[in-house]
Amino acid sequence: MPRAYLTHTRELKPVLTDGAGFKFYMARRMILDADLGDQITRFPSKIIAPAPGMGITGWLHDFVPTVGLSWD
């Protein structure tokens, strides 16, 4: 039994972005950069409709890790 249905509609929601990271100097001119970002928004209730008798609310978090290697 499905708990939610996708609808044929559009919905705009504001998104908050937050994150943190660090740089680690590995060798003479080599830098390792690691970050963790979080994109936060309210649940899109017009796009994803709950099945009859169900309820869906809350916030969505999208954690995005990135790692980079660079030379100075």
Protein backbone atom coordinates (compact mmCIF):
# COMPACT_ATOMS: atom_id res chain seq x y z
CA MET A 1 0.00 0.00 0.00
CA PRO A 2 1.51 3.38 -0.97
CA ARG A 3 2.12 5.96 1.70
CA ALA A 4 2.41 8.95 -0.65
CA TYR A 5 1.62 9.96 -4.23
CA LEU A 6 3.52 12.23 -6.61
CA THR A 7 1.33 14.97 -8.08
CA HIS A 8 1.53 16.93 -11.36
CA THR A 9 2.16 20.31 -9.75
CA ARG A 10 4.98 22.69 -8.97
CA GLU A 11 5.95 24.21 -5.66
CA LEU A 12 8.62 26.73 -4.70
CA LYS A 13 10.15 26.57 -1.24
CA PRO A 14 12.99 28.60 0.30
CA VAL A 15 16.21 26.69 0.98
CA LEU A 16 18.70 27.34 3.78
CA THR A 17 22.30 26.34 3.15
CA ASP A 18 24.83 25.70 5.91
CA GLY A 19 28.17 23.97 6.02
CA ALA A 20 31.63 23.61 7.48
CA GLY A 21 34.96 22.31 6.34
CA PHE A 22 38.70 22.23 6.83
CA LYS A 23 41.93 22.46 4.87
CA PHE A 24 44.82 20.15 5.59
CA TYR A 25 48.24 21.01 4.17
CA MET A 26 49.64 17.60 3.22
CA ALA A 27 52.94 18.35 1.51
CA ARG A 28 54.87 21.41 0.43
CA ARG A 29 52.24 22.72 -1.94
CA MET A 30 49.44 20.14 -1.73
CA ILE A 31 46.17 20.94 0.07
CA LEU A 32 43.34 18.55 0.98
CA ASP A 33 40.00 20.34 1.37
CA ALA A 34 36.96 18.59 2.93
CA ASP A 35 33.52 20.15 3.42
CA LEU A 36 30.10 19.04 4.60
CA GLY A 37 27.13 21.12 3.45
CA ASP A 38 23.47 20.89 4.43
CA GLN A 39 20.56 22.17 2.36
CA ILE A 40 17.42 22.54 4.49
CA THR A 41 13.83 23.07 3.29
CA ARG A 42 10.26 22.35 4.38
CA PHE A 43 8.61 19.19 3.05
CA PRO A 44 6.99 19.80 -0.39
CA SER A 45 3.40 18.94 0.55
CA LYS A 46 1.91 19.96 -2.84
CA ILE A 47 4.29 17.72 -4.83
CA ILE A 48 4.20 14.66 -2.57
CA ALA A 49 0.67 14.10 -1.29
CA PRO A 50 0.12 11.64 1.55
CA ALA A 51 -2.17 8.66 0.96
CA PRO A 52 -5.61 8.81 2.60
CA GLY A 53 -5.26 8.41 6.35
CA MET A 54 -1.53 9.25 6.32
CA GLY A 55 0.30 12.47 7.22
CA ILE A 56 3.67 13.78 6.08
CA THR A 57 5.25 16.92 7.57
CA GLY A 58 8.61 18.22 8.65
CA TRP A 59 11.90 19.36 7.19
CA LEU A 60 14.15 17.83 4.54
CA HIS A 61 17.94 17.81 4.95
CA ASP A 62 20.30 17.12 2.06
CA PHE A 63 23.84 16.53 3.32
CA VAL A 64 26.50 17.03 0.64
CA PRO A 65 30.11 16.02 1.41
CA THR A 66 32.88 17.27 -0.89
CA VAL A 67 36.60 16.53 -0.95
CA GLY A 68 39.16 18.34 -3.05
CA LEU A 69 42.87 18.17 -3.69
CA SER A 70 44.72 21.25 -4.89
CA TRP A 71 48.22 22.57 -5.44
CA ASP A 72 49.34 26.01 -4.36
